[in-house]
Amino acid sequence: MKQVCFLILGLLGFLTVNAQTTTSQEDGYFDPVRDPILSTINGKVRFVQSEEVIARAADLRLGKLSTVETFDKVFLNGHWYFTCECRFAPEPDQAAKVYLRLKGDENGNYYADSRWVACIGAPCGSCDWDINTNDCFCKTDRPGEPGEPGACNQIWSTDPLLKKIKIKPN
C-alpha cells in the first residue's frame, strides 16, 4: 500500500512540474529567470534555447555590442557560464566576450544569474577572461598593428544581462 501511495505522489509531483513547464512555454515569452538556458539531458549539459532567442534577449541589454558571433558554455570554479563573443558597434575590429553566470536547480536546469563580466577590446580583436585572476586579456595583436599587443577593458555588473522577450518576434 505504501508503494502505491508513493507512486501516486510521485506521479502527481511529475504532473505538477510538467504542467508548470508547459504553462511557461505557452505564454510565448522567453524569461531567462524562469526558463532554463542550459539543461542536463542524458548526462550532458546542453542549450535548450535557440541561439536566435538568446541573441535577441542579449541584444536588448548589450547596447553598443552587436553582431553576436558565437555562443558557448563553460564550467569554471564550480559554476556554469553562458559565453558569447560579439563585436563592438562603433569599432567592428574590436571584440567583446561576455560571461554570464548561470544558477542551477535540483533538476539540472541552469538559469540566468544577474552576475556577468564583459571583456571589451580597447583595441583588441579577441578578448577573453581569466577567472583565476579575474582579469580580461587580449588574445591577439592590436587590430591593424601586427606585433603590438592589444588590450581589453573589463566591465562587471549585477544588472540582468538577458531580458524577457517574445519567443517569436513580430
N, C-alpha and C. Protein backbone atom coordinates (compact mmCIF):
# COMPACT_ATOMS: atom_id res chain seq x y z
N MET A 1 0.83 -1.20 0.00
CA MET A 1 0.00 0.00 0.00
C MET A 1 0.86 1.25 0.00
N LYS A 2 1.97 1.22 0.80
CA LYS A 2 2.85 2.40 0.84
C LYS A 2 3.46 2.66 -0.52
N GLN A 3 3.81 1.59 -1.23
CA GLN A 3 4.42 1.75 -2.54
C GLN A 3 3.45 2.42 -3.52
N VAL A 4 2.18 2.05 -3.43
CA VAL A 4 1.17 2.63 -4.31
C VAL A 4 1.01 4.12 -3.99
N CYS A 5 1.01 4.46 -2.70
CA CYS A 5 0.88 5.88 -2.29
C CYS A 5 2.08 6.68 -2.80
N PHE A 6 3.29 6.13 -2.64
CA PHE A 6 4.49 6.83 -3.13
C PHE A 6 4.45 6.99 -4.65
N LEU A 7 3.99 5.97 -5.34
CA LEU A 7 3.88 6.04 -6.79
C LEU A 7 2.90 7.13 -7.20
N ILE A 8 1.76 7.19 -6.54
CA ILE A 8 0.75 8.22 -6.85
C ILE A 8 1.30 9.61 -6.55
N LEU A 9 1.96 9.78 -5.38
CA LEU A 9 2.53 11.09 -5.04
C LEU A 9 3.62 11.49 -6.03
N GLY A 10 4.46 10.54 -6.43
CA GLY A 10 5.50 10.82 -7.42
C GLY A 10 4.91 11.25 -8.75
N LEU A 11 3.85 10.54 -9.17
CA LEU A 11 3.19 10.88 -10.43
C LEU A 11 2.56 12.26 -10.36
N LEU A 12 1.92 12.59 -9.25
CA LEU A 12 1.33 13.92 -9.08
C LEU A 12 2.40 15.00 -9.09
N GLY A 13 3.52 14.73 -8.44
CA GLY A 13 4.62 15.70 -8.45
C GLY A 13 5.13 15.93 -9.86
N PHE A 14 5.32 14.85 -10.63
CA PHE A 14 5.79 14.97 -12.01
C PHE A 14 4.79 15.75 -12.84
N LEU A 15 3.50 15.45 -12.71
CA LEU A 15 2.48 16.15 -13.48
C LEU A 15 2.43 17.64 -13.13
N THR A 16 2.63 17.97 -11.85
CA THR A 16 2.64 19.37 -11.43
C THR A 16 3.80 20.11 -12.05
N VAL A 17 5.00 19.55 -12.00
CA VAL A 17 6.18 20.18 -12.61
C VAL A 17 5.99 20.29 -14.11
N ASN A 18 5.49 19.24 -14.74
CA ASN A 18 5.27 19.25 -16.18
C ASN A 18 4.24 20.31 -16.57
N ALA A 19 3.19 20.45 -15.79
CA ALA A 19 2.16 21.45 -16.07
C ALA A 19 2.73 22.86 -15.95
N GLN A 20 3.59 23.11 -14.96
CA GLN A 20 4.20 24.42 -14.81
C GLN A 20 5.11 24.74 -15.99
N THR A 21 5.88 23.77 -16.46
CA THR A 21 6.76 23.98 -17.60
C THR A 21 5.94 24.29 -18.84
N THR A 22 4.88 23.53 -19.07
CA THR A 22 4.04 23.75 -20.23
C THR A 22 3.43 25.14 -20.18
N THR A 23 2.98 25.58 -19.03
CA THR A 23 2.38 26.90 -18.90
C THR A 23 3.38 27.99 -19.24
N SER A 24 4.64 27.87 -18.76
CA SER A 24 5.64 28.90 -19.03
C SER A 24 6.00 28.94 -20.51
N GLN A 25 5.96 27.80 -21.20
CA GLN A 25 6.26 27.80 -22.62
C GLN A 25 5.09 28.32 -23.44
N GLU A 26 3.89 28.14 -22.96
CA GLU A 26 2.71 28.52 -23.72
C GLU A 26 2.48 30.02 -23.74
N ASP A 27 3.10 30.79 -22.84
CA ASP A 27 2.85 32.23 -22.84
C ASP A 27 3.57 32.95 -23.97
N GLY A 28 4.46 32.24 -24.69
CA GLY A 28 5.11 32.83 -25.85
C GLY A 28 6.31 33.71 -25.55
N TYR A 29 6.79 33.69 -24.31
CA TYR A 29 7.93 34.52 -23.92
C TYR A 29 9.07 33.65 -23.40
N PHE A 30 10.30 34.11 -23.67
CA PHE A 30 11.48 33.54 -23.03
C PHE A 30 11.83 34.48 -21.89
N ASP A 31 11.78 33.96 -20.68
CA ASP A 31 12.15 34.71 -19.48
C ASP A 31 13.38 34.02 -18.90
N PRO A 32 14.57 34.64 -18.98
CA PRO A 32 15.80 33.96 -18.57
C PRO A 32 15.87 33.62 -17.09
N VAL A 33 15.00 34.21 -16.29
CA VAL A 33 14.94 33.87 -14.87
C VAL A 33 14.08 32.63 -14.66
N ARG A 34 13.06 32.47 -15.48
CA ARG A 34 12.10 31.37 -15.34
C ARG A 34 12.42 30.20 -16.26
N ASP A 35 12.90 30.48 -17.46
CA ASP A 35 13.14 29.45 -18.48
C ASP A 35 14.62 29.12 -18.54
N PRO A 36 14.98 27.84 -18.49
CA PRO A 36 16.40 27.48 -18.49
C PRO A 36 17.09 27.81 -19.81
N ILE A 37 18.36 28.16 -19.70
CA ILE A 37 19.21 28.36 -20.87
C ILE A 37 19.90 27.04 -21.20
N LEU A 38 20.38 26.37 -20.15
CA LEU A 38 21.00 25.05 -20.28
C LEU A 38 20.20 24.05 -19.47
N SER A 39 20.28 22.79 -19.86
CA SER A 39 19.63 21.73 -19.11
C SER A 39 20.45 20.45 -19.27
N THR A 40 20.45 19.63 -18.23
CA THR A 40 21.14 18.35 -18.29
C THR A 40 20.24 17.34 -18.99
N ILE A 41 20.71 16.86 -20.15
CA ILE A 41 19.94 15.91 -20.95
C ILE A 41 20.84 14.71 -21.22
N ASN A 42 20.40 13.54 -20.79
CA ASN A 42 21.19 12.31 -20.95
C ASN A 42 22.61 12.47 -20.40
N GLY A 43 22.72 13.14 -19.26
CA GLY A 43 24.01 13.28 -18.59
C GLY A 43 24.91 14.39 -19.13
N LYS A 44 24.47 15.11 -20.15
CA LYS A 44 25.27 16.21 -20.72
C LYS A 44 24.51 17.52 -20.59
N VAL A 45 25.24 18.59 -20.30
CA VAL A 45 24.62 19.91 -20.21
C VAL A 45 24.53 20.49 -21.62
N ARG A 46 23.30 20.83 -22.02
CA ARG A 46 23.05 21.29 -23.39
C ARG A 46 22.21 22.56 -23.39
N PHE A 47 22.34 23.34 -24.48
CA PHE A 47 21.47 24.50 -24.66
C PHE A 47 20.05 24.02 -24.93
N VAL A 48 19.08 24.66 -24.30
CA VAL A 48 17.68 24.33 -24.57
C VAL A 48 16.96 25.50 -25.25
N GLN A 49 17.60 26.64 -25.30
CA GLN A 49 17.06 27.79 -26.04
C GLN A 49 17.87 27.93 -27.32
N SER A 50 17.23 28.41 -28.36
CA SER A 50 17.95 28.59 -29.63
C SER A 50 18.89 29.79 -29.53
N GLU A 51 19.93 29.77 -30.35
CA GLU A 51 20.87 30.89 -30.39
C GLU A 51 20.14 32.18 -30.76
N GLU A 52 19.18 32.08 -31.65
CA GLU A 52 18.44 33.25 -32.10
C GLU A 52 17.69 33.90 -30.94
N VAL A 53 17.04 33.11 -30.12
CA VAL A 53 16.29 33.66 -28.98
C VAL A 53 17.25 34.29 -27.97
N ILE A 54 18.35 33.60 -27.66
CA ILE A 54 19.30 34.14 -26.69
C ILE A 54 19.95 35.42 -27.22
N ALA A 55 20.28 35.45 -28.51
CA ALA A 55 20.90 36.64 -29.09
C ALA A 55 19.96 37.83 -29.01
N ARG A 56 18.69 37.63 -29.30
CA ARG A 56 17.74 38.75 -29.19
C ARG A 56 17.58 39.21 -27.76
N ALA A 57 17.55 38.27 -26.81
CA ALA A 57 17.42 38.65 -25.39
C ALA A 57 18.65 39.42 -24.93
N ALA A 58 19.83 39.05 -25.42
CA ALA A 58 21.07 39.74 -25.04
C ALA A 58 21.19 41.08 -25.73
N ASP A 59 20.80 41.17 -26.98
CA ASP A 59 20.93 42.42 -27.72
C ASP A 59 20.17 43.56 -27.07
N LEU A 60 19.09 43.24 -26.37
CA LEU A 60 18.32 44.29 -25.71
C LEU A 60 19.10 44.92 -24.57
N ARG A 61 20.10 44.25 -24.03
CA ARG A 61 20.84 44.72 -22.88
C ARG A 61 22.27 45.16 -23.19
N LEU A 62 22.84 44.67 -24.28
CA LEU A 62 24.26 44.93 -24.51
C LEU A 62 24.55 46.29 -25.12
N GLY A 63 23.55 47.00 -25.55
CA GLY A 63 23.76 48.36 -26.03
C GLY A 63 24.65 48.43 -27.25
N LYS A 64 25.89 48.90 -27.09
CA LYS A 64 26.79 49.11 -28.22
C LYS A 64 27.43 47.82 -28.71
N LEU A 65 27.21 46.73 -28.04
CA LEU A 65 27.70 45.45 -28.53
C LEU A 65 26.71 44.94 -29.56
N SER A 66 27.24 44.45 -30.64
CA SER A 66 26.35 43.97 -31.70
C SER A 66 26.95 42.72 -32.33
N THR A 67 26.25 42.16 -33.27
CA THR A 67 26.68 41.00 -34.02
C THR A 67 27.23 39.92 -33.11
N VAL A 68 26.35 39.26 -32.40
CA VAL A 68 26.76 38.13 -31.59
C VAL A 68 27.26 37.05 -32.54
N GLU A 69 28.53 36.67 -32.37
CA GLU A 69 29.16 35.74 -33.32
C GLU A 69 29.13 34.30 -32.86
N THR A 70 29.43 34.05 -31.60
CA THR A 70 29.44 32.67 -31.11
C THR A 70 28.84 32.58 -29.72
N PHE A 71 28.26 31.42 -29.45
CA PHE A 71 27.76 31.07 -28.12
C PHE A 71 28.52 29.86 -27.64
N ASP A 72 28.67 29.76 -26.34
CA ASP A 72 29.30 28.58 -25.77
C ASP A 72 28.87 28.47 -24.32
N LYS A 73 29.23 27.38 -23.71
CA LYS A 73 29.04 27.18 -22.28
C LYS A 73 30.36 26.70 -21.73
N VAL A 74 30.66 27.07 -20.50
CA VAL A 74 31.92 26.67 -19.88
C VAL A 74 31.69 26.49 -18.39
N PHE A 75 32.34 25.50 -17.81
CA PHE A 75 32.24 25.24 -16.38
C PHE A 75 33.50 25.77 -15.72
N LEU A 76 33.37 26.79 -14.88
CA LEU A 76 34.50 27.44 -14.22
C LEU A 76 34.25 27.58 -12.73
N ASN A 77 35.21 27.17 -11.94
CA ASN A 77 35.13 27.33 -10.47
C ASN A 77 33.78 26.92 -9.88
N GLY A 78 33.25 25.79 -10.33
CA GLY A 78 32.03 25.25 -9.75
C GLY A 78 30.74 25.84 -10.27
N HIS A 79 30.80 26.65 -11.35
CA HIS A 79 29.59 27.26 -11.91
C HIS A 79 29.60 27.14 -13.42
N TRP A 80 28.42 26.97 -14.00
CA TRP A 80 28.28 27.04 -15.44
C TRP A 80 28.15 28.50 -15.84
N TYR A 81 28.77 28.84 -16.98
CA TYR A 81 28.67 30.17 -17.55
C TYR A 81 28.22 30.03 -18.99
N PHE A 82 27.35 30.93 -19.40
CA PHE A 82 26.99 31.09 -20.79
C PHE A 82 27.93 32.17 -21.33
N THR A 83 28.60 31.92 -22.46
CA THR A 83 29.50 32.92 -23.03
C THR A 83 29.06 33.26 -24.44
N CYS A 84 29.32 34.49 -24.81
CA CYS A 84 29.10 34.89 -26.20
C CYS A 84 30.19 35.86 -26.62
N GLU A 85 30.61 35.74 -27.86
CA GLU A 85 31.56 36.67 -28.44
C GLU A 85 30.80 37.60 -29.38
N CYS A 86 31.13 38.88 -29.27
CA CYS A 86 30.42 39.91 -30.01
C CYS A 86 31.42 40.87 -30.64
N ARG A 87 30.91 41.78 -31.40
CA ARG A 87 31.68 42.90 -31.95
C ARG A 87 31.19 44.17 -31.27
N PHE A 88 32.07 45.15 -31.16
CA PHE A 88 31.74 46.43 -30.57
C PHE A 88 31.24 47.34 -31.69
N ALA A 89 30.00 47.81 -31.62
CA ALA A 89 29.35 48.50 -32.73
C ALA A 89 30.13 49.70 -33.29
N PRO A 90 30.64 50.62 -32.50
CA PRO A 90 31.35 51.75 -33.10
C PRO A 90 32.66 51.35 -33.79
N GLU A 91 33.30 50.29 -33.32
CA GLU A 91 34.58 49.82 -33.86
C GLU A 91 34.48 48.33 -34.14
N PRO A 92 34.04 47.92 -35.34
CA PRO A 92 33.82 46.49 -35.59
C PRO A 92 35.07 45.63 -35.49
N ASP A 93 36.28 46.24 -35.51
CA ASP A 93 37.51 45.46 -35.32
C ASP A 93 37.71 45.08 -33.86
N GLN A 94 36.97 45.71 -32.97
CA GLN A 94 37.14 45.44 -31.55
C GLN A 94 36.14 44.37 -31.10
N ALA A 95 36.65 43.44 -30.32
CA ALA A 95 35.85 42.30 -29.89
C ALA A 95 35.35 42.50 -28.46
N ALA A 96 34.39 41.69 -28.11
CA ALA A 96 33.91 41.62 -26.74
C ALA A 96 33.55 40.18 -26.44
N LYS A 97 33.85 39.75 -25.24
CA LYS A 97 33.44 38.42 -24.80
C LYS A 97 32.71 38.60 -23.48
N VAL A 98 31.53 38.00 -23.39
CA VAL A 98 30.67 38.15 -22.23
C VAL A 98 30.52 36.80 -21.55
N TYR A 99 30.67 36.79 -20.24
CA TYR A 99 30.47 35.60 -19.41
C TYR A 99 29.30 35.86 -18.48
N LEU A 100 28.21 35.12 -18.65
CA LEU A 100 27.03 35.23 -17.79
C LEU A 100 26.97 34.01 -16.90
N ARG A 101 27.02 34.24 -15.61
CA ARG A 101 26.95 33.12 -14.66
C ARG A 101 25.54 32.56 -14.64
N LEU A 102 25.45 31.24 -14.56
CA LEU A 102 24.16 30.56 -14.52
C LEU A 102 23.96 29.93 -13.14
N LYS A 103 22.72 29.89 -12.71
CA LYS A 103 22.42 29.22 -11.44
C LYS A 103 21.57 28.00 -11.74
N GLY A 104 21.93 26.91 -11.08
CA GLY A 104 21.28 25.64 -11.33
C GLY A 104 20.19 25.32 -10.32
N ASP A 105 19.34 24.38 -10.69
CA ASP A 105 18.35 23.87 -9.76
C ASP A 105 18.59 22.38 -9.55
N GLU A 106 17.75 21.75 -8.75
CA GLU A 106 17.93 20.34 -8.41
C GLU A 106 17.60 19.41 -9.57
N ASN A 107 17.01 19.94 -10.65
CA ASN A 107 16.64 19.12 -11.80
C ASN A 107 17.66 19.20 -12.94
N GLY A 108 18.78 19.90 -12.72
CA GLY A 108 19.79 20.01 -13.76
C GLY A 108 19.52 21.09 -14.78
N ASN A 109 18.67 22.07 -14.44
CA ASN A 109 18.40 23.20 -15.31
C ASN A 109 19.24 24.39 -14.84
N TYR A 110 19.65 25.24 -15.80
CA TYR A 110 20.50 26.38 -15.48
C TYR A 110 19.90 27.65 -16.05
N TYR A 111 19.69 28.62 -15.16
CA TYR A 111 19.00 29.86 -15.47
C TYR A 111 19.98 31.04 -15.37
N ALA A 112 19.63 32.15 -16.01
CA ALA A 112 20.47 33.34 -15.98
C ALA A 112 20.56 33.90 -14.56
N ASP A 113 21.77 34.15 -14.13
CA ASP A 113 22.03 34.85 -12.88
C ASP A 113 22.16 36.32 -13.24
N SER A 114 22.26 37.18 -12.26
CA SER A 114 22.43 38.60 -12.57
C SER A 114 23.90 38.99 -12.65
N ARG A 115 24.82 38.08 -12.32
CA ARG A 115 26.26 38.41 -12.35
C ARG A 115 26.85 38.08 -13.71
N TRP A 116 27.57 39.05 -14.27
CA TRP A 116 28.25 38.83 -15.54
C TRP A 116 29.44 39.74 -15.66
N VAL A 117 30.34 39.38 -16.56
CA VAL A 117 31.53 40.17 -16.86
C VAL A 117 31.66 40.24 -18.38
N ALA A 118 32.07 41.40 -18.87
CA ALA A 118 32.33 41.58 -20.29
C ALA A 118 33.75 42.09 -20.45
N CYS A 119 34.46 41.52 -21.40
CA CYS A 119 35.81 41.96 -21.76
C CYS A 119 35.70 42.58 -23.14
N ILE A 120 36.00 43.88 -23.23
CA ILE A 120 35.80 44.63 -24.46
C ILE A 120 37.14 45.15 -24.96
N GLY A 121 37.43 44.88 -26.23
CA GLY A 121 38.69 45.29 -26.84
C GLY A 121 38.91 46.79 -26.82
N ALA A 122 40.15 47.17 -26.50
CA ALA A 122 40.47 48.60 -26.41
C ALA A 122 41.86 48.88 -26.96
N PRO A 123 42.23 48.66 -28.16
CA PRO A 123 41.57 47.77 -29.12
C PRO A 123 42.12 46.35 -29.03
N CYS A 124 41.28 45.42 -29.35
CA CYS A 124 41.66 44.01 -29.38
C CYS A 124 40.66 43.28 -30.25
N GLY A 125 41.14 42.38 -31.08
CA GLY A 125 40.27 41.62 -31.96
C GLY A 125 39.70 40.37 -31.33
N SER A 126 40.21 39.98 -30.13
CA SER A 126 39.74 38.76 -29.48
C SER A 126 40.07 38.80 -27.98
N CYS A 127 39.11 39.25 -27.19
CA CYS A 127 39.28 39.34 -25.74
C CYS A 127 38.87 38.04 -25.07
N ASP A 128 39.36 37.84 -23.86
CA ASP A 128 38.93 36.71 -23.05
C ASP A 128 39.08 37.09 -21.58
N TRP A 129 38.61 36.21 -20.69
CA TRP A 129 38.61 36.47 -19.26
C TRP A 129 39.31 35.33 -18.56
N ASP A 130 40.22 35.65 -17.66
CA ASP A 130 40.91 34.66 -16.84
C ASP A 130 40.23 34.66 -15.48
N ILE A 131 39.43 33.62 -15.21
CA ILE A 131 38.66 33.57 -13.97
C ILE A 131 39.57 33.47 -12.74
N ASN A 132 40.77 32.91 -12.91
CA ASN A 132 41.68 32.77 -11.77
C ASN A 132 42.22 34.11 -11.29
N THR A 133 42.48 35.03 -12.22
CA THR A 133 42.99 36.35 -11.84
C THR A 133 41.89 37.41 -11.88
N ASN A 134 40.71 37.04 -12.40
CA ASN A 134 39.61 37.98 -12.59
C ASN A 134 39.99 39.15 -13.47
N ASP A 135 40.82 38.89 -14.49
CA ASP A 135 41.26 39.93 -15.41
C ASP A 135 40.91 39.56 -16.84
N CYS A 136 40.64 40.59 -17.63
CA CYS A 136 40.47 40.40 -19.06
C CYS A 136 41.83 40.52 -19.73
N PHE A 137 41.98 39.83 -20.84
CA PHE A 137 43.23 39.92 -21.59
C PHE A 137 42.93 39.80 -23.08
N CYS A 138 43.84 40.31 -23.89
CA CYS A 138 43.72 40.26 -25.34
C CYS A 138 44.48 39.05 -25.86
N LYS A 139 43.80 38.21 -26.65
CA LYS A 139 44.43 37.01 -27.18
C LYS A 139 45.17 37.27 -28.49
N THR A 140 44.96 38.43 -29.10
CA THR A 140 45.55 38.72 -30.40
C THR A 140 46.27 40.06 -30.39
N ASP A 141 46.94 40.35 -31.48
CA ASP A 141 47.60 41.65 -31.63
C ASP A 141 46.56 42.75 -31.81
N ARG A 142 47.03 43.98 -31.64
CA ARG A 142 46.19 45.15 -31.85
C ARG A 142 45.72 45.15 -33.31
N PRO A 143 44.42 45.35 -33.59
CA PRO A 143 43.93 45.32 -34.96
C PRO A 143 44.68 46.33 -35.85
N GLY A 144 45.16 45.83 -37.00
CA GLY A 144 45.87 46.68 -37.94
C GLY A 144 47.31 46.97 -37.57
N GLU A 145 47.77 46.47 -36.42
CA GLU A 145 49.14 46.72 -35.96
C GLU A 145 49.77 45.42 -35.49
N PRO A 146 50.19 44.56 -36.44
CA PRO A 146 50.78 43.27 -36.07
C PRO A 146 51.98 43.44 -35.15
N GLY A 147 52.07 42.59 -34.16
CA GLY A 147 53.18 42.65 -33.21
C GLY A 147 52.94 43.55 -32.02
N GLU A 148 51.93 44.40 -32.09
CA GLU A 148 51.58 45.28 -30.97
C GLU A 148 50.50 44.61 -30.12
N PRO A 149 50.75 44.43 -28.83
CA PRO A 149 49.72 43.77 -28.01
C PRO A 149 48.48 44.65 -27.86
N GLY A 150 47.34 44.00 -27.94
CA GLY A 150 46.08 44.71 -27.72
C GLY A 150 45.75 44.75 -26.25
N ALA A 151 44.66 45.39 -25.92
CA ALA A 151 44.22 45.49 -24.53
C ALA A 151 42.70 45.32 -24.48
N CYS A 152 42.21 44.92 -23.32
CA CYS A 152 40.77 44.75 -23.11
C CYS A 152 40.35 45.46 -21.83
N ASN A 153 39.22 46.14 -21.91
CA ASN A 153 38.62 46.72 -20.72
C ASN A 153 37.67 45.69 -20.13
N GLN A 154 37.47 45.79 -18.83
CA GLN A 154 36.62 44.83 -18.13
C GLN A 154 35.42 45.55 -17.53
N ILE A 155 34.24 44.97 -17.73
CA ILE A 155 33.01 45.51 -17.15
C ILE A 155 32.38 44.41 -16.33
N TRP A 156 32.13 44.69 -15.06
CA TRP A 156 31.41 43.78 -14.17
C TRP A 156 30.03 44.36 -13.93
N SER A 157 29.05 43.50 -13.78
CA SER A 157 27.72 44.01 -13.49
C SER A 157 26.89 42.97 -12.74
N THR A 158 25.94 43.47 -11.99
CA THR A 158 24.93 42.61 -11.37
C THR A 158 23.54 42.96 -11.90
N ASP A 159 23.49 43.80 -12.92
CA ASP A 159 22.22 44.06 -13.60
C ASP A 159 21.94 42.90 -14.54
N PRO A 160 20.69 42.50 -14.70
CA PRO A 160 20.39 41.38 -15.59
C PRO A 160 20.90 41.65 -17.00
N LEU A 161 21.55 40.66 -17.58
CA LEU A 161 22.08 40.77 -18.93
C LEU A 161 21.03 40.42 -19.97
N LEU A 162 20.27 39.38 -19.71
CA LEU A 162 19.24 38.93 -20.64
C LEU A 162 17.88 39.44 -20.17
N LYS A 163 17.06 39.80 -21.12
CA LYS A 163 15.76 40.36 -20.82
C LYS A 163 14.66 39.44 -21.34
N LYS A 164 13.52 39.47 -20.71
CA LYS A 164 12.36 38.70 -21.16
C LYS A 164 11.94 39.22 -22.53
N ILE A 165 11.77 38.28 -23.48
CA ILE A 165 11.39 38.65 -24.84
C ILE A 165 10.34 37.69 -25.37
N LYS A 166 9.66 38.11 -26.44
CA LYS A 166 8.77 37.20 -27.15
C LYS A 166 9.61 36.18 -27.88
N ILE A 167 9.22 34.92 -27.81
CA ILE A 167 9.97 33.86 -28.48
C ILE A 167 9.91 34.05 -30.00
N LYS A 168 8.76 34.37 -30.52
CA LYS A 168 8.61 34.63 -31.97
C LYS A 168 8.44 36.13 -32.15
N PRO A 169 9.42 36.78 -32.80
CA PRO A 169 9.30 38.23 -32.99
C PRO A 169 8.13 38.57 -33.91
N ASN A 170 7.65 39.79 -33.77
CA ASN A 170 6.51 40.23 -34.58
C ASN A 170 6.87 40.34 -36.03
